[in-house]
């Protein structure tokens, strides 16, 4: 079993708490663990890193030079894990991409002017390409990412008859 397989985030959080608190009881309290659980994880950390990591003194734990060195990298790792779990916020102002809209003649005259105005205001760096709606090739165009959005009216899209509306919007399916 590799050293990486023997290491987990919980141990890194315990390491970080020990660096900050320099006391197993305080670190345990801060993490909602028992002092014994912290000591057991510290033992595993010592084995993984092949270093004492912390020396017991009358005033508490003193990190070894190697532990001090590790603390910078472990802080960065834990911050990166935290960022990974943070919700991603979409800001259209930062989009610097190309978006292709296929629309019928009528949609280009009636729907698109207002839509383009909103998109220009909210996503100024988004390059919009408007192309004619081609029912015969629409599926392939969307499947291949050559069209991101199709705007048409019900007569043009017989496959979608689940909603009574005057306009249908078909976004391209995003591949995972």
Foldseek 3Di string as FASTA:
>chain_A
DALVVLDDLVLLLLLLLCVVVLALCRSCVVVVHHSVVSVVSLVSVCVSVVHNQWDQDPVHTDGDPVSVVVNVVSVVVVVVVVVVPDDDDDQLCPDQEEAEEEEAPVCVVPPPVVVVVVSCVRRVNYHYHYHHDDLVCVVVCLAVVVHAKYKYACVSCVPDDPDDDGIDIDGRDDDD
